[in-house]
Amino acid sequence: MKPAKQYSDLMSELLNDLETKSKSVDVPVGAFVLDKNLGVVAKAFNSRVEKNDPTAHAEIEAIRIAGLELNNWRLDDCTLLVTLEPCQMCSGAVLQSRISRVVFGAFEPKTGFLVSNNLNSEIPGLEIIGGVMEEECSRILSDWFIDKRSNQDMI
């Protein structure tokens, strides 16, 4: 199986899990941390509202879980697969954790930091793959925001 196909299959799995969370109060973003064989080490979703924690982005939560699972803060040879391009905070966590690859779905022109707004200059040891199942990832986010806006109008 080609790596691109593997990433699409994993993103599809993550999106299926995310569909059940689309009615959540948190923006529907999900993340996996994968080991060097692309096995899932950690899975997390945005939980900022639930935890009252501004740092509880899906990426940060998945990185925390992976560190505990692997009993190591260094996530060398791991891949972060996420439905939305990571922000500046999450990009910093990726660099600090030594993750070697980030694969994301939807680009985020406002707050995305790996490609859209800054970091795409060559970062030694970090491979970035964007746009995996971009349309599907974007649709979940767009639908969530449309639903939230329409429900606000009813209040």
N, C-alpha and C. Protein backbone atom coordinates (compact mmCIF):
# COMPACT_ATOMS: atom_id res chain seq x y z
N MET A 1 0.84 -1.18 0.00
CA MET A 1 0.00 0.00 0.00
C MET A 1 0.88 1.24 0.00
N LYS A 2 0.59 2.19 -0.88
CA LYS A 2 1.36 3.42 -0.96
C LYS A 2 1.14 4.27 0.29
N PRO A 3 2.15 5.02 0.71
CA PRO A 3 1.95 5.88 1.88
C PRO A 3 0.74 6.79 1.75
N ALA A 4 0.52 7.40 0.59
CA ALA A 4 -0.62 8.30 0.42
C ALA A 4 -1.93 7.56 0.70
N LYS A 5 -2.05 6.34 0.23
CA LYS A 5 -3.26 5.54 0.47
C LYS A 5 -3.40 5.25 1.96
N GLN A 6 -2.30 4.95 2.62
CA GLN A 6 -2.35 4.70 4.06
C GLN A 6 -2.84 5.94 4.80
N TYR A 7 -2.35 7.11 4.42
CA TYR A 7 -2.77 8.34 5.09
C TYR A 7 -4.25 8.61 4.83
N SER A 8 -4.70 8.35 3.61
CA SER A 8 -6.12 8.54 3.30
C SER A 8 -6.98 7.59 4.11
N ASP A 9 -6.55 6.35 4.25
CA ASP A 9 -7.31 5.38 5.03
C ASP A 9 -7.38 5.80 6.50
N LEU A 10 -6.26 6.25 7.04
CA LEU A 10 -6.22 6.69 8.43
C LEU A 10 -7.05 7.96 8.63
N MET A 11 -6.97 8.89 7.67
CA MET A 11 -7.76 10.11 7.76
C MET A 11 -9.25 9.77 7.69
N SER A 12 -9.60 8.83 6.85
CA SER A 12 -10.99 8.40 6.74
C SER A 12 -11.48 7.83 8.07
N GLU A 13 -10.64 7.02 8.71
CA GLU A 13 -10.98 6.47 10.03
C GLU A 13 -11.18 7.59 11.06
N LEU A 14 -10.29 8.57 11.04
CA LEU A 14 -10.40 9.70 11.97
C LEU A 14 -11.66 10.52 11.68
N LEU A 15 -11.97 10.72 10.41
CA LEU A 15 -13.18 11.48 10.06
C LEU A 15 -14.44 10.75 10.48
N ASN A 16 -14.45 9.43 10.37
CA ASN A 16 -15.60 8.65 10.84
C ASN A 16 -15.82 8.86 12.34
N ASP A 17 -14.73 8.83 13.10
CA ASP A 17 -14.83 9.08 14.54
C ASP A 17 -15.30 10.51 14.81
N LEU A 18 -14.84 11.43 13.99
CA LEU A 18 -15.16 12.84 14.18
C LEU A 18 -16.63 13.13 13.86
N GLU A 19 -17.21 12.40 12.92
CA GLU A 19 -18.62 12.60 12.57
C GLU A 19 -19.52 12.48 13.79
N THR A 20 -19.18 11.56 14.69
CA THR A 20 -19.99 11.39 15.90
C THR A 20 -19.83 12.55 16.86
N LYS A 21 -18.75 13.31 16.70
CA LYS A 21 -18.50 14.45 17.58
C LYS A 21 -18.94 15.77 16.94
N SER A 22 -19.53 15.72 15.77
CA SER A 22 -19.85 16.95 15.04
C SER A 22 -20.91 17.79 15.75
N LYS A 23 -21.63 17.22 16.68
CA LYS A 23 -22.61 18.00 17.45
C LYS A 23 -22.00 18.54 18.75
N SER A 24 -20.72 18.32 18.92
CA SER A 24 -20.01 18.77 20.11
C SER A 24 -19.95 20.30 20.17
N VAL A 25 -19.72 20.81 21.36
CA VAL A 25 -19.54 22.26 21.51
C VAL A 25 -18.15 22.69 21.05
N ASP A 26 -17.23 21.76 20.96
CA ASP A 26 -15.88 22.07 20.49
C ASP A 26 -15.80 21.97 18.97
N VAL A 27 -14.95 22.80 18.38
CA VAL A 27 -14.72 22.72 16.94
C VAL A 27 -14.25 21.30 16.62
N PRO A 28 -14.88 20.63 15.64
CA PRO A 28 -14.56 19.23 15.36
C PRO A 28 -13.22 19.05 14.65
N VAL A 29 -12.19 18.88 15.44
CA VAL A 29 -10.85 18.58 14.93
C VAL A 29 -10.37 17.34 15.65
N GLY A 30 -9.81 16.40 14.89
CA GLY A 30 -9.30 15.16 15.48
C GLY A 30 -7.86 14.94 15.07
N ALA A 31 -7.14 14.16 15.89
CA ALA A 31 -5.72 13.90 15.62
C ALA A 31 -5.34 12.49 16.06
N PHE A 32 -4.47 11.90 15.30
CA PHE A 32 -3.80 10.64 15.66
C PHE A 32 -2.32 10.93 15.79
N VAL A 33 -1.65 10.25 16.71
CA VAL A 33 -0.19 10.13 16.65
C VAL A 33 0.05 8.70 16.24
N LEU A 34 0.87 8.53 15.20
CA LEU A 34 1.16 7.22 14.63
C LEU A 34 2.61 6.85 14.88
N ASP A 35 2.87 5.57 15.10
CA ASP A 35 4.25 5.12 15.25
C ASP A 35 4.90 4.98 13.87
N LYS A 36 6.15 4.53 13.84
CA LYS A 36 6.87 4.47 12.56
C LYS A 36 6.25 3.50 11.57
N ASN A 37 5.43 2.56 12.04
CA ASN A 37 4.72 1.63 11.17
C ASN A 37 3.30 2.09 10.86
N LEU A 38 2.99 3.32 11.23
CA LEU A 38 1.69 3.95 11.04
C LEU A 38 0.59 3.29 11.87
N GLY A 39 0.98 2.68 12.98
CA GLY A 39 0.00 2.19 13.94
C GLY A 39 -0.42 3.33 14.85
N VAL A 40 -1.68 3.34 15.24
CA VAL A 40 -2.20 4.43 16.08
C VAL A 40 -1.70 4.26 17.52
N VAL A 41 -0.97 5.27 17.99
CA VAL A 41 -0.47 5.31 19.37
C VAL A 41 -1.45 6.10 20.24
N ALA A 42 -2.01 7.17 19.65
CA ALA A 42 -2.90 8.05 20.41
C ALA A 42 -3.94 8.65 19.48
N LYS A 43 -5.12 8.90 20.05
CA LYS A 43 -6.20 9.56 19.32
C LYS A 43 -6.83 10.58 20.25
N ALA A 44 -7.10 11.78 19.72
CA ALA A 44 -7.72 12.82 20.54
C ALA A 44 -8.52 13.78 19.67
N PHE A 45 -9.39 14.51 20.34
CA PHE A 45 -10.23 15.51 19.68
C PHE A 45 -10.15 16.81 20.47
N ASN A 46 -10.51 17.91 19.83
CA ASN A 46 -10.57 19.17 20.56
C ASN A 46 -11.43 19.00 21.80
N SER A 47 -10.96 19.50 22.92
CA SER A 47 -11.75 19.42 24.16
C SER A 47 -11.57 20.69 25.00
N ARG A 48 -11.38 21.81 24.33
CA ARG A 48 -11.17 23.08 25.03
C ARG A 48 -12.36 23.46 25.90
N VAL A 49 -13.54 23.36 25.33
CA VAL A 49 -14.74 23.76 26.07
C VAL A 49 -15.01 22.77 27.20
N GLU A 50 -14.94 21.50 26.88
CA GLU A 50 -15.19 20.45 27.88
C GLU A 50 -14.27 20.56 29.08
N LYS A 51 -13.00 20.85 28.82
CA LYS A 51 -12.00 20.91 29.89
C LYS A 51 -11.74 22.33 30.41
N ASN A 52 -12.37 23.33 29.78
CA ASN A 52 -12.07 24.72 30.12
C ASN A 52 -10.57 24.97 30.06
N ASP A 53 -9.97 24.48 28.98
CA ASP A 53 -8.51 24.54 28.81
C ASP A 53 -8.20 25.02 27.39
N PRO A 54 -7.68 26.23 27.24
CA PRO A 54 -7.39 26.75 25.91
C PRO A 54 -6.31 25.97 25.16
N THR A 55 -5.55 25.14 25.87
CA THR A 55 -4.51 24.34 25.20
C THR A 55 -4.99 22.95 24.80
N ALA A 56 -6.24 22.63 25.04
CA ALA A 56 -6.75 21.27 24.78
C ALA A 56 -7.15 21.09 23.32
N HIS A 57 -6.25 21.47 22.43
CA HIS A 57 -6.44 21.20 21.00
C HIS A 57 -6.20 19.71 20.77
N ALA A 58 -6.79 19.18 19.72
CA ALA A 58 -6.66 17.75 19.42
C ALA A 58 -5.19 17.33 19.32
N GLU A 59 -4.38 18.16 18.69
CA GLU A 59 -2.97 17.82 18.51
C GLU A 59 -2.23 17.72 19.84
N ILE A 60 -2.44 18.70 20.70
CA ILE A 60 -1.78 18.73 22.01
C ILE A 60 -2.22 17.52 22.83
N GLU A 61 -3.52 17.25 22.83
CA GLU A 61 -4.05 16.11 23.59
C GLU A 61 -3.45 14.79 23.07
N ALA A 62 -3.38 14.63 21.75
CA ALA A 62 -2.82 13.40 21.17
C ALA A 62 -1.33 13.27 21.49
N ILE A 63 -0.60 14.37 21.44
CA ILE A 63 0.83 14.35 21.77
C ILE A 63 1.02 13.96 23.23
N ARG A 64 0.20 14.51 24.12
CA ARG A 64 0.29 14.15 25.55
C ARG A 64 0.05 12.66 25.76
N ILE A 65 -1.00 12.15 25.15
CA ILE A 65 -1.33 10.72 25.28
C ILE A 65 -0.19 9.86 24.73
N ALA A 66 0.34 10.24 23.57
CA ALA A 66 1.42 9.46 22.95
C ALA A 66 2.66 9.42 23.84
N GLY A 67 3.01 10.54 24.45
CA GLY A 67 4.15 10.57 25.36
C GLY A 67 3.97 9.60 26.51
N LEU A 68 2.75 9.56 27.05
CA LEU A 68 2.45 8.62 28.15
C LEU A 68 2.49 7.18 27.66
N GLU A 69 1.89 6.93 26.50
CA GLU A 69 1.84 5.56 25.95
C GLU A 69 3.24 5.03 25.64
N LEU A 70 4.08 5.90 25.09
CA LEU A 70 5.43 5.48 24.71
C LEU A 70 6.44 5.68 25.84
N ASN A 71 5.98 6.26 26.94
CA ASN A 71 6.85 6.53 28.08
C ASN A 71 8.09 7.32 27.68
N ASN A 72 7.84 8.35 26.84
CA ASN A 72 8.93 9.16 26.33
C ASN A 72 8.37 10.47 25.80
N TRP A 73 9.00 11.58 26.13
CA TRP A 73 8.56 12.86 25.60
C TRP A 73 9.00 13.04 24.16
N ARG A 74 10.01 12.30 23.76
CA ARG A 74 10.50 12.38 22.39
C ARG A 74 9.72 11.42 21.51
N LEU A 75 9.03 11.96 20.55
CA LEU A 75 8.21 11.16 19.66
C LEU A 75 8.87 11.01 18.29
N ASP A 76 10.19 10.74 18.35
CA ASP A 76 10.96 10.51 17.13
C ASP A 76 10.28 9.43 16.29
N ASP A 77 10.32 9.59 14.99
CA ASP A 77 9.75 8.62 14.05
C ASP A 77 8.23 8.52 14.13
N CYS A 78 7.59 9.42 14.85
CA CYS A 78 6.12 9.43 14.90
C CYS A 78 5.56 10.42 13.89
N THR A 79 4.33 10.19 13.50
CA THR A 79 3.61 11.06 12.59
C THR A 79 2.38 11.59 13.31
N LEU A 80 2.13 12.89 13.16
CA LEU A 80 0.88 13.48 13.64
C LEU A 80 -0.03 13.59 12.43
N LEU A 81 -1.19 12.96 12.49
CA LEU A 81 -2.19 13.05 11.44
C LEU A 81 -3.37 13.81 12.03
N VAL A 82 -3.75 14.92 11.41
CA VAL A 82 -4.77 15.80 11.99
C VAL A 82 -5.67 16.33 10.88
N THR A 83 -6.93 16.56 11.22
CA THR A 83 -7.90 16.97 10.21
C THR A 83 -7.76 18.42 9.77
N LEU A 84 -7.08 19.24 10.56
CA LEU A 84 -6.91 20.66 10.26
C LEU A 84 -5.46 21.06 10.48
N GLU A 85 -4.95 21.90 9.61
CA GLU A 85 -3.57 22.38 9.74
C GLU A 85 -3.33 22.93 11.14
N PRO A 86 -2.27 22.47 11.80
CA PRO A 86 -2.00 22.93 13.17
C PRO A 86 -1.73 24.43 13.28
N CYS A 87 -2.16 25.00 14.41
CA CYS A 87 -1.92 26.41 14.72
C CYS A 87 -0.47 26.58 15.21
N GLN A 88 -0.12 27.79 15.59
CA GLN A 88 1.22 28.08 16.08
C GLN A 88 1.55 27.29 17.35
N MET A 89 0.60 27.24 18.28
CA MET A 89 0.84 26.51 19.54
C MET A 89 1.08 25.02 19.26
N CYS A 90 0.23 24.44 18.43
CA CYS A 90 0.36 23.01 18.14
C CYS A 90 1.61 22.72 17.32
N SER A 91 1.95 23.63 16.43
CA SER A 91 3.18 23.47 15.64
C SER A 91 4.41 23.49 16.55
N GLY A 92 4.38 24.36 17.57
CA GLY A 92 5.46 24.38 18.55
C GLY A 92 5.55 23.07 19.31
N ALA A 93 4.41 22.49 19.67
CA ALA A 93 4.40 21.20 20.37
C ALA A 93 4.95 20.10 19.47
N VAL A 94 4.64 20.17 18.19
CA VAL A 94 5.18 19.19 17.23
C VAL A 94 6.70 19.27 17.23
N LEU A 95 7.23 20.47 17.13
CA LEU A 95 8.69 20.64 17.11
C LEU A 95 9.32 20.20 18.42
N GLN A 96 8.72 20.57 19.54
CA GLN A 96 9.28 20.21 20.85
C GLN A 96 9.24 18.71 21.10
N SER A 97 8.24 18.02 20.55
CA SER A 97 8.11 16.58 20.78
C SER A 97 8.95 15.75 19.80
N ARG A 98 9.56 16.42 18.83
CA ARG A 98 10.42 15.77 17.84
C ARG A 98 9.65 14.87 16.86
N ILE A 99 8.35 15.12 16.70
CA ILE A 99 7.58 14.40 15.69
C ILE A 99 8.24 14.64 14.35
N SER A 100 8.33 13.61 13.52
CA SER A 100 9.07 13.74 12.27
C SER A 100 8.21 14.04 11.05
N ARG A 101 6.89 13.87 11.17
CA ARG A 101 6.02 14.10 10.02
C ARG A 101 4.65 14.58 10.51
N VAL A 102 4.11 15.56 9.81
CA VAL A 102 2.75 16.03 10.06
C VAL A 102 1.97 15.86 8.77
N VAL A 103 0.83 15.18 8.88
CA VAL A 103 -0.08 14.98 7.75
C VAL A 103 -1.39 15.62 8.17
N PHE A 104 -1.89 16.58 7.37
CA PHE A 104 -3.15 17.21 7.75
C PHE A 104 -4.09 17.29 6.56
N GLY A 105 -5.36 17.49 6.89
CA GLY A 105 -6.41 17.55 5.87
C GLY A 105 -6.63 18.95 5.35
N ALA A 106 -7.44 19.74 6.07
CA ALA A 106 -7.83 21.07 5.63
C ALA A 106 -6.74 22.09 5.95
N PHE A 107 -6.49 22.98 5.01
CA PHE A 107 -5.59 24.12 5.25
C PHE A 107 -6.35 25.14 6.08
N GLU A 108 -5.64 25.89 6.91
CA GLU A 108 -6.25 26.92 7.76
C GLU A 108 -5.56 28.25 7.49
N PRO A 109 -6.10 29.04 6.53
CA PRO A 109 -5.42 30.28 6.15
C PRO A 109 -5.34 31.33 7.25
N LYS A 110 -6.24 31.28 8.23
CA LYS A 110 -6.22 32.30 9.30
C LYS A 110 -5.21 31.97 10.39
N THR A 111 -5.24 30.72 10.90
CA THR A 111 -4.39 30.39 12.05
C THR A 111 -3.44 29.23 11.78
N GLY A 112 -3.51 28.61 10.63
CA GLY A 112 -2.60 27.51 10.31
C GLY A 112 -1.18 28.02 10.28
N PHE A 113 -0.27 27.23 10.80
CA PHE A 113 1.08 27.75 10.95
C PHE A 113 2.14 26.95 10.20
N LEU A 114 1.90 25.72 9.88
CA LEU A 114 2.93 24.92 9.22
C LEU A 114 3.13 25.31 7.77
N VAL A 115 2.05 25.58 7.06
CA VAL A 115 2.14 25.92 5.65
C VAL A 115 1.56 27.30 5.39
N SER A 116 0.35 27.54 5.86
CA SER A 116 -0.39 28.75 5.49
C SER A 116 0.25 30.04 5.96
N ASN A 117 0.89 30.05 7.11
CA ASN A 117 1.34 31.33 7.65
C ASN A 117 2.76 31.42 8.14
N ASN A 118 3.60 30.46 7.87
CA ASN A 118 4.94 30.72 8.38
C ASN A 118 5.94 29.61 8.19
N LEU A 119 5.71 28.49 8.80
CA LEU A 119 6.77 27.53 9.00
C LEU A 119 7.19 26.71 7.80
N ASN A 120 6.64 26.95 6.64
CA ASN A 120 6.93 26.07 5.52
C ASN A 120 8.37 26.18 5.02
N SER A 121 9.15 27.06 5.60
CA SER A 121 10.56 27.05 5.26
C SER A 121 11.10 25.71 5.77
N GLU A 122 12.09 25.21 5.14
CA GLU A 122 12.61 23.89 5.48
C GLU A 122 12.93 23.77 6.98
N ILE A 123 12.27 22.85 7.63
CA ILE A 123 12.54 22.57 9.04
C ILE A 123 13.26 21.23 9.06
N PRO A 124 14.51 21.21 9.47
CA PRO A 124 15.24 19.93 9.46
C PRO A 124 14.50 18.86 10.25
N GLY A 125 14.31 17.71 9.62
CA GLY A 125 13.71 16.57 10.30
C GLY A 125 12.20 16.56 10.35
N LEU A 126 11.53 17.56 9.73
CA LEU A 126 10.06 17.59 9.75
C LEU A 126 9.53 17.56 8.32
N GLU A 127 8.79 16.51 8.02
CA GLU A 127 8.11 16.40 6.73
C GLU A 127 6.66 16.85 6.93
N ILE A 128 6.16 17.66 5.99
CA ILE A 128 4.80 18.18 6.08
C ILE A 128 4.03 17.76 4.83
N ILE A 129 2.90 17.11 5.03
CA ILE A 129 2.03 16.70 3.93
C ILE A 129 0.65 17.28 4.21
N GLY A 130 0.20 18.21 3.38
CA GLY A 130 -1.10 18.84 3.59
C GLY A 130 -2.09 18.47 2.51
N GLY A 131 -3.37 18.63 2.83
CA GLY A 131 -4.42 18.44 1.85
C GLY A 131 -4.92 17.01 1.71
N VAL A 132 -4.60 16.12 2.66
CA VAL A 132 -5.09 14.74 2.58
C VAL A 132 -6.57 14.75 2.94
N MET A 133 -7.39 14.35 1.98
CA MET A 133 -8.86 14.37 2.13
C MET A 133 -9.34 15.76 2.56
N GLU A 134 -8.74 16.77 1.94
CA GLU A 134 -9.01 18.16 2.29
C GLU A 134 -10.50 18.51 2.20
N GLU A 135 -11.15 18.10 1.15
CA GLU A 135 -12.56 18.44 0.97
C GLU A 135 -13.43 17.88 2.09
N GLU A 136 -13.22 16.63 2.45
CA GLU A 136 -13.99 15.99 3.51
C GLU A 136 -13.72 16.64 4.87
N CYS A 137 -12.46 16.95 5.14
CA CYS A 137 -12.10 17.61 6.41
C CYS A 137 -12.72 19.00 6.48
N SER A 138 -12.67 19.73 5.40
CA SER A 138 -13.23 21.08 5.36
C SER A 138 -14.75 21.04 5.52
N ARG A 139 -15.39 20.05 4.92
CA ARG A 139 -16.85 19.95 4.99
C ARG A 139 -17.33 19.79 6.44
N ILE A 140 -16.66 18.93 7.20
CA ILE A 140 -17.06 18.74 8.60
C ILE A 140 -16.97 20.06 9.37
N LEU A 141 -15.90 20.80 9.15
CA LEU A 141 -15.74 22.09 9.84
C LEU A 141 -16.79 23.09 9.37
N SER A 142 -16.98 23.20 8.07
CA SER A 142 -17.97 24.15 7.53
C SER A 142 -19.36 23.84 8.03
N ASP A 143 -19.74 22.56 8.00
CA ASP A 143 -21.06 22.16 8.48
C ASP A 143 -21.24 22.50 9.96
N TRP A 144 -20.20 22.29 10.75
CA TRP A 144 -20.27 22.58 12.18
C TRP A 144 -20.51 24.08 12.42
N PHE A 145 -19.74 24.92 11.70
CA PHE A 145 -19.89 26.36 11.87
C PHE A 145 -21.25 26.84 11.38
N ILE A 146 -21.74 26.30 10.28
CA ILE A 146 -23.07 26.66 9.77
C ILE A 146 -24.12 26.30 10.81
N ASP A 147 -24.01 25.11 11.37
CA ASP A 147 -24.97 24.66 12.38
C ASP A 147 -24.93 25.57 13.62
N LYS A 148 -23.74 25.91 14.09
CA LYS A 148 -23.61 26.76 15.27
C LYS A 148 -24.19 28.15 15.01
N ARG A 149 -23.94 28.69 13.84
CA ARG A 149 -24.46 30.03 13.52
C ARG A 149 -25.98 30.00 13.40
N SER A 150 -26.53 28.98 12.79
CA SER A 150 -27.98 28.92 12.62
C SER A 150 -28.67 28.70 13.97
N ASN A 151 -28.07 27.97 14.87
CA ASN A 151 -28.63 27.76 16.21
C ASN A 151 -28.56 29.03 17.05
N GLN A 152 -27.56 29.86 16.84
CA GLN A 152 -27.45 31.13 17.56
C GLN A 152 -28.58 32.06 17.15
N ASP A 153 -28.95 32.02 15.88
CA ASP A 153 -30.02 32.88 15.40
C ASP A 153 -31.36 32.54 16.05
N MET A 154 -31.51 31.30 16.48
CA MET A 154 -32.77 30.85 17.04
C MET A 154 -32.91 31.23 18.51
N ILE A 155 -31.81 31.61 19.15
CA ILE A 155 -31.83 31.92 20.58
C ILE A 155 -32.28 33.34 20.83
